[in-house]
Amino acid sequence: MFVGGLVVGLYIFFPLISWKLYLEPAFASFSYESHIPKSTILTKNYLKSLFINTATALTGVNYENASN
């Protein structure tokens, strides 16, 4: 039972240990250029404009019609 448990444990945890030892350090050295800003300033006016734009985009659409 001990050997069986050891084999099952290695079968489950070997990919995780392998990732931590070999692959994660290789991917950690990459720096990705992102077009999404790292921080977004949310003000009351900005949120209000988002809600207004969403409301105007959704008005005039008849959702009872199946083709919409």
PDB file of N, CA and C in Angstrom:
ATOM      1  N   MET A   1       0.834  -1.191   0.000  1.00  0.00           N
ATOM      2  CA  MET A   1       0.000   0.000   0.000  1.00  0.00           C
ATOM      3  C   MET A   1       0.875   1.250   0.000  1.00  0.00           C
ATOM      4  N   PHE A   2       1.996   1.175   0.692  1.00  0.00           N
ATOM      5  CA  PHE A   2       2.878   2.333   0.737  1.00  0.00           C
ATOM      6  C   PHE A   2       3.413   2.663  -0.652  1.00  0.00           C
ATOM      7  N   VAL A   3       3.848   1.637  -1.371  1.00  0.00           N
ATOM      8  CA  VAL A   3       4.387   1.854  -2.720  1.00  0.00           C
ATOM      9  C   VAL A   3       3.290   2.352  -3.652  1.00  0.00           C
ATOM     10  N   GLY A   4       2.103   1.802  -3.534  1.00  0.00           N
ATOM     11  CA  GLY A   4       0.979   2.261  -4.357  1.00  0.00           C
ATOM     12  C   GLY A   4       0.638   3.715  -4.081  1.00  0.00           C
ATOM     13  N   GLY A   5       0.619   4.088  -2.801  1.00  0.00           N
ATOM     14  CA  GLY A   5       0.356   5.483  -2.453  1.00  0.00           C
ATOM     15  C   GLY A   5       1.453   6.405  -2.943  1.00  0.00           C
ATOM     16  N   LEU A   6       2.691   5.939  -2.879  1.00  0.00           N
ATOM     17  CA  LEU A   6       3.809   6.741  -3.365  1.00  0.00           C
ATOM     18  C   LEU A   6       3.730   6.946  -4.874  1.00  0.00           C
ATOM     19  N   VAL A   7       3.368   5.897  -5.593  1.00  0.00           N
ATOM     20  CA  VAL A   7       3.237   6.002  -7.050  1.00  0.00           C
ATOM     21  C   VAL A   7       2.109   6.954  -7.419  1.00  0.00           C
ATOM     22  N   VAL A   8       0.980   6.830  -6.764  1.00  0.00           N
ATOM     23  CA  VAL A   8      -0.152   7.725  -7.054  1.00  0.00           C
ATOM     24  C   VAL A   8       0.212   9.161  -6.689  1.00  0.00           C
ATOM     25  N   GLY A   9       0.877   9.364  -5.563  1.00  0.00           N
ATOM     26  CA  GLY A   9       1.287  10.710  -5.162  1.00  0.00           C
ATOM     27  C   GLY A   9       2.251  11.320  -6.160  1.00  0.00           C
ATOM     28  N   LEU A  10       3.209  10.547  -6.630  1.00  0.00           N
ATOM     29  CA  LEU A  10       4.144  11.057  -7.640  1.00  0.00           C
ATOM     30  C   LEU A  10       3.437  11.336  -8.961  1.00  0.00           C
ATOM     31  N   TYR A  11       2.484  10.481  -9.306  1.00  0.00           N
ATOM     32  CA  TYR A  11       1.721  10.683 -10.540  1.00  0.00           C
ATOM     33  C   TYR A  11       0.943  11.998 -10.496  1.00  0.00           C
ATOM     34  N   ILE A  12       0.439  12.334  -9.327  1.00  0.00           N
ATOM     35  CA  ILE A  12      -0.351  13.554  -9.183  1.00  0.00           C
ATOM     36  C   ILE A  12       0.548  14.778  -9.050  1.00  0.00           C
ATOM     37  N   PHE A  13       1.584  14.700  -8.235  1.00  0.00           N
ATOM     38  CA  PHE A  13       2.366  15.889  -7.920  1.00  0.00           C
ATOM     39  C   PHE A  13       3.569  16.121  -8.814  1.00  0.00           C
ATOM     40  N   PHE A  14       3.986  15.134  -9.615  1.00  0.00           N
ATOM     41  CA  PHE A  14       5.153  15.331 -10.468  1.00  0.00           C
ATOM     42  C   PHE A  14       4.975  16.469 -11.475  1.00  0.00           C
ATOM     43  N   PRO A  15       3.821  16.594 -12.145  1.00  0.00           N
ATOM     44  CA  PRO A  15       3.670  17.737 -13.065  1.00  0.00           C
ATOM     45  C   PRO A  15       3.771  19.093 -12.363  1.00  0.00           C
ATOM     46  N   LEU A  16       3.242  19.184 -11.151  1.00  0.00           N
ATOM     47  CA  LEU A  16       3.315  20.451 -10.418  1.00  0.00           C
ATOM     48  C   LEU A  16       4.750  20.770 -10.011  1.00  0.00           C
ATOM     49  N   ILE A  17       5.456  19.770  -9.517  1.00  0.00           N
ATOM     50  CA  ILE A  17       6.842  19.973  -9.112  1.00  0.00           C
ATOM     51  C   ILE A  17       7.702  20.283 -10.330  1.00  0.00           C
ATOM     52  N   SER A  18       7.462  19.580 -11.426  1.00  0.00           N
ATOM     53  CA  SER A  18       8.203  19.822 -12.660  1.00  0.00           C
ATOM     54  C   SER A  18       7.987  21.250 -13.160  1.00  0.00           C
ATOM     55  N   TRP A  19       6.746  21.717 -13.103  1.00  0.00           N
ATOM     56  CA  TRP A  19       6.444  23.091 -13.521  1.00  0.00           C
ATOM     57  C   TRP A  19       7.209  24.099 -12.671  1.00  0.00           C
ATOM     58  N   LYS A  20       7.164  23.915 -11.365  1.00  0.00           N
ATOM     59  CA  LYS A  20       7.834  24.852 -10.465  1.00  0.00           C
ATOM     60  C   LYS A  20       9.341  24.867 -10.682  1.00  0.00           C
ATOM     61  N   LEU A  21       9.947  23.730 -10.943  1.00  0.00           N
ATOM     62  CA  LEU A  21      11.397  23.659 -11.058  1.00  0.00           C
ATOM     63  C   LEU A  21      11.921  24.076 -12.429  1.00  0.00           C
ATOM     64  N   TYR A  22      11.242  23.697 -13.492  1.00  0.00           N
ATOM     65  CA  TYR A  22      11.802  23.868 -14.835  1.00  0.00           C
ATOM     66  C   TYR A  22      11.119  24.932 -15.679  1.00  0.00           C
ATOM     67  N   LEU A  23       9.806  24.963 -15.703  1.00  0.00           N
ATOM     68  CA  LEU A  23       9.108  25.831 -16.644  1.00  0.00           C
ATOM     69  C   LEU A  23       8.802  27.220 -16.096  1.00  0.00           C
ATOM     70  N   GLU A  24       8.438  27.334 -14.844  1.00  0.00           N
ATOM     71  CA  GLU A  24       8.090  28.639 -14.283  1.00  0.00           C
ATOM     72  C   GLU A  24       9.247  29.633 -14.346  1.00  0.00           C
ATOM     73  N   PRO A  25      10.491  29.256 -14.020  1.00  0.00           N
ATOM     74  CA  PRO A  25      11.587  30.226 -14.148  1.00  0.00           C
ATOM     75  C   PRO A  25      11.816  30.677 -15.589  1.00  0.00           C
ATOM     76  N   ALA A  26      11.561  29.803 -16.546  1.00  0.00           N
ATOM     77  CA  ALA A  26      11.739  30.184 -17.945  1.00  0.00           C
ATOM     78  C   ALA A  26      10.693  31.201 -18.373  1.00  0.00           C
ATOM     79  N   PHE A  27       9.444  31.029 -17.931  1.00  0.00           N
ATOM     80  CA  PHE A  27       8.384  31.965 -18.293  1.00  0.00           C
ATOM     81  C   PHE A  27       8.444  33.247 -17.470  1.00  0.00           C
ATOM     82  N   ALA A  28       9.058  33.219 -16.317  1.00  0.00           N
ATOM     83  CA  ALA A  28       9.129  34.407 -15.470  1.00  0.00           C
ATOM     84  C   ALA A  28      10.031  35.473 -16.072  1.00  0.00           C
ATOM     85  N   SER A  29      10.955  35.078 -16.939  1.00  0.00           N
ATOM     86  CA  SER A  29      11.880  36.052 -17.516  1.00  0.00           C
ATOM     87  C   SER A  29      11.255  36.838 -18.660  1.00  0.00           C
ATOM     88  N   PHE A  30      10.104  36.396 -19.172  1.00  0.00           N
ATOM     89  CA  PHE A  30       9.439  37.106 -20.258  1.00  0.00           C
ATOM     90  C   PHE A  30       8.708  38.328 -19.717  1.00  0.00           C
ATOM     91  N   SER A  31       8.722  39.377 -20.483  1.00  0.00           N
ATOM     92  CA  SER A  31       7.892  40.531 -20.152  1.00  0.00           C
ATOM     93  C   SER A  31       6.982  40.787 -21.344  1.00  0.00           C
ATOM     94  N   TYR A  32       5.704  40.790 -21.088  1.00  0.00           N
ATOM     95  CA  TYR A  32       4.733  40.961 -22.140  1.00  0.00           C
ATOM     96  C   TYR A  32       4.314  42.423 -22.217  1.00  0.00           C
ATOM     97  N   GLU A  33       4.207  42.919 -23.433  1.00  0.00           N
ATOM     98  CA  GLU A  33       3.740  44.278 -23.654  1.00  0.00           C
ATOM     99  C   GLU A  33       2.219  44.231 -23.738  1.00  0.00           C
ATOM    100  N   SER A  34       1.574  44.956 -22.900  1.00  0.00           N
ATOM    101  CA  SER A  34       0.124  44.948 -22.858  1.00  0.00           C
ATOM    102  C   SER A  34      -0.413  46.318 -23.222  1.00  0.00           C
ATOM    103  N   HIS A  35      -1.471  46.318 -24.012  1.00  0.00           N
ATOM    104  CA  HIS A  35      -2.103  47.578 -24.379  1.00  0.00           C
ATOM    105  C   HIS A  35      -3.177  47.985 -23.374  1.00  0.00           C
ATOM    106  N   ILE A  36      -3.435  47.110 -22.437  1.00  0.00           N
ATOM    107  CA  ILE A  36      -4.407  47.411 -21.393  1.00  0.00           C
ATOM    108  C   ILE A  36      -3.671  48.131 -20.271  1.00  0.00           C
ATOM    109  N   PRO A  37      -4.153  49.278 -19.846  1.00  0.00           N
ATOM    110  CA  PRO A  37      -3.451  49.992 -18.781  1.00  0.00           C
ATOM    111  C   PRO A  37      -3.443  49.190 -17.481  1.00  0.00           C
ATOM    112  N   LYS A  38      -2.362  49.285 -16.751  1.00  0.00           N
ATOM    113  CA  LYS A  38      -2.241  48.534 -15.507  1.00  0.00           C
ATOM    114  C   LYS A  38      -3.161  49.075 -14.425  1.00  0.00           C
ATOM    115  N   SER A  39      -3.448  50.339 -14.478  1.00  0.00           N
ATOM    116  CA  SER A  39      -4.373  50.906 -13.502  1.00  0.00           C
ATOM    117  C   SER A  39      -5.371  51.802 -14.231  1.00  0.00           C
ATOM    118  N   THR A  40      -6.594  51.695 -13.836  1.00  0.00           N
ATOM    119  CA  THR A  40      -7.652  52.510 -14.411  1.00  0.00           C
ATOM    120  C   THR A  40      -8.261  53.330 -13.291  1.00  0.00           C
ATOM    121  N   ILE A  41      -8.395  54.600 -13.534  1.00  0.00           N
ATOM    122  CA  ILE A  41      -8.975  55.481 -12.532  1.00  0.00           C
ATOM    123  C   ILE A  41     -10.475  55.538 -12.772  1.00  0.00           C
ATOM    124  N   LEU A  42     -11.223  55.043 -11.808  1.00  0.00           N
ATOM    125  CA  LEU A  42     -12.675  55.049 -11.905  1.00  0.00           C
ATOM    126  C   LEU A  42     -13.215  56.182 -11.055  1.00  0.00           C
ATOM    127  N   THR A  43     -13.767  57.146 -11.725  1.00  0.00           N
ATOM    128  CA  THR A  43     -14.405  58.253 -11.026  1.00  0.00           C
ATOM    129  C   THR A  43     -15.914  58.131 -11.186  1.00  0.00           C
ATOM    130  N   LYS A  44     -16.637  58.926 -10.423  1.00  0.00           N
ATOM    131  CA  LYS A  44     -18.093  58.893 -10.525  1.00  0.00           C
ATOM    132  C   LYS A  44     -18.552  59.306 -11.912  1.00  0.00           C
ATOM    133  N   ASN A  45     -17.909  60.309 -12.487  1.00  0.00           N
ATOM    134  CA  ASN A  45     -18.306  60.769 -13.823  1.00  0.00           C
ATOM    135  C   ASN A  45     -18.020  59.708 -14.882  1.00  0.00           C
ATOM    136  N   TYR A  46     -16.898  59.008 -14.752  1.00  0.00           N
ATOM    137  CA  TYR A  46     -16.553  57.963 -15.712  1.00  0.00           C
ATOM    138  C   TYR A  46     -17.553  56.810 -15.634  1.00  0.00           C
ATOM    139  N   LEU A  47     -17.893  56.393 -14.418  1.00  0.00           N
ATOM    140  CA  LEU A  47     -18.882  55.330 -14.261  1.00  0.00           C
ATOM    141  C   LEU A  47     -20.253  55.759 -14.763  1.00  0.00           C
ATOM    142  N   LYS A  48     -20.598  57.010 -14.510  1.00  0.00           N
ATOM    143  CA  LYS A  48     -21.882  57.522 -14.972  1.00  0.00           C
ATOM    144  C   LYS A  48     -21.946  57.508 -16.493  1.00  0.00           C
ATOM    145  N   SER A  49     -20.842  57.902 -17.139  1.00  0.00           N
ATOM    146  CA  SER A  49     -20.831  57.895 -18.607  1.00  0.00           C
ATOM    147  C   SER A  49     -20.906  56.464 -19.142  1.00  0.00           C
ATOM    148  N   LEU A  50     -20.294  55.511 -18.451  1.00  0.00           N
ATOM    149  CA  LEU A  50     -20.405  54.118 -18.879  1.00  0.00           C
ATOM    150  C   LEU A  50     -21.846  53.632 -18.805  1.00  0.00           C
ATOM    151  N   PHE A  51     -22.535  53.959 -17.714  1.00  0.00           N
ATOM    152  CA  PHE A  51     -23.926  53.548 -17.568  1.00  0.00           C
ATOM    153  C   PHE A  51     -24.811  54.216 -18.620  1.00  0.00           C
ATOM    154  N   ILE A  52     -24.575  55.476 -18.886  1.00  0.00           N
ATOM    155  CA  ILE A  52     -25.373  56.191 -19.884  1.00  0.00           C
ATOM    156  C   ILE A  52     -25.143  55.597 -21.267  1.00  0.00           C
ATOM    157  N   ASN A  53     -23.884  55.328 -21.612  1.00  0.00           N
ATOM    158  CA  ASN A  53     -23.589  54.739 -22.919  1.00  0.00           C
ATOM    159  C   ASN A  53     -24.207  53.354 -23.066  1.00  0.00           C
ATOM    160  N   THR A  54     -24.192  52.588 -21.992  1.00  0.00           N
ATOM    161  CA  THR A  54     -24.797  51.260 -22.034  1.00  0.00           C
ATOM    162  C   THR A  54     -26.311  51.363 -22.171  1.00  0.00           C
ATOM    163  N   ALA A  55     -26.909  52.282 -21.445  1.00  0.00           N
ATOM    164  CA  ALA A  55     -28.357  52.448 -21.511  1.00  0.00           C
ATOM    165  C   ALA A  55     -28.792  52.899 -22.901  1.00  0.00           C
ATOM    166  N   THR A  56     -28.042  53.813 -23.510  1.00  0.00           N
ATOM    167  CA  THR A  56     -28.422  54.280 -24.846  1.00  0.00           C
ATOM    168  C   THR A  56     -28.188  53.199 -25.894  1.00  0.00           C
ATOM    169  N   ALA A  57     -27.229  52.350 -25.677  1.00  0.00           N
ATOM    170  CA  ALA A  57     -26.978  51.274 -26.638  1.00  0.00           C
ATOM    171  C   ALA A  57     -28.070  50.215 -26.572  1.00  0.00           C
ATOM    172  N   LEU A  58     -28.676  50.043 -25.394  1.00  0.00           N
ATOM    173  CA  LEU A  58     -29.688  49.008 -25.231  1.00  0.00           C
ATOM    174  C   LEU A  58     -31.098  49.491 -25.515  1.00  0.00           C
ATOM    175  N   THR A  59     -31.310  50.783 -25.605  1.00  0.00           N
ATOM    176  CA  THR A  59     -32.660  51.279 -25.872  1.00  0.00           C
ATOM    177  C   THR A  59     -32.962  51.130 -27.355  1.00  0.00           C
ATOM    178  N   GLY A  60     -34.225  50.942 -27.642  1.00  0.00           N
ATOM    179  CA  GLY A  60     -34.650  50.824 -29.024  1.00  0.00           C
ATOM    180  C   GLY A  60     -34.567  49.410 -29.566  1.00  0.00           C
ATOM    181  N   VAL A  61     -34.089  48.478 -28.768  1.00  0.00           N
ATOM    182  CA  VAL A  61     -34.019  47.086 -29.210  1.00  0.00           C
ATOM    183  C   VAL A  61     -35.188  46.342 -28.588  1.00  0.00           C
ATOM    184  N   ASN A  62     -35.989  45.719 -29.439  1.00  0.00           N
ATOM    185  CA  ASN A  62     -37.124  44.952 -28.965  1.00  0.00           C
ATOM    186  C   ASN A  62     -36.663  43.533 -28.687  1.00  0.00           C
ATOM    187  N   TYR A  63     -36.479  43.199 -27.439  1.00  0.00           N
ATOM    188  CA  TYR A  63     -35.982  41.872 -27.079  1.00  0.00           C
ATOM    189  C   TYR A  63     -37.079  40.813 -27.109  1.00  0.00           C
ATOM    190  N   GLU A  64     -38.303  41.228 -27.301  1.00  0.00           N
ATOM    191  CA  GLU A  64     -39.380  40.256 -27.445  1.00  0.00           C
ATOM    192  C   GLU A  64     -39.398  39.650 -28.840  1.00  0.00           C
ATOM    193  N   ASN A  65     -38.724  40.304 -29.781  1.00  0.00           N
ATOM    194  CA  ASN A  65     -38.650  39.793 -31.139  1.00  0.00           C
ATOM    195  C   ASN A  65     -37.497  38.797 -31.195  1.00  0.00           C
ATOM    196  N   ALA A  66     -37.761  37.575 -31.643  1.00  0.00           N
ATOM    197  CA  ALA A  66     -36.752  36.517 -31.634  1.00  0.00           C
ATOM    198  C   ALA A  66     -35.585  36.806 -32.573  1.00  0.00           C
ATOM    199  N   SER A  67     -35.792  37.618 -33.593  1.00  0.00           N
ATOM    200  CA  SER A  67     -34.694  37.899 -34.525  1.00  0.00           C
ATOM    201  C   SER A  67     -33.653  38.828 -33.904  1.00  0.00           C
ATOM    202  N   ASN A  68     -34.004  39.508 -32.838  1.00  0.00           N
ATOM    203  CA  ASN A  68     -33.034  40.375 -32.167  1.00  0.00           C
ATOM    204  C   ASN A  68     -32.213  39.542 -31.225  1.00  0.00           C
TER     205      ASN A  68
END
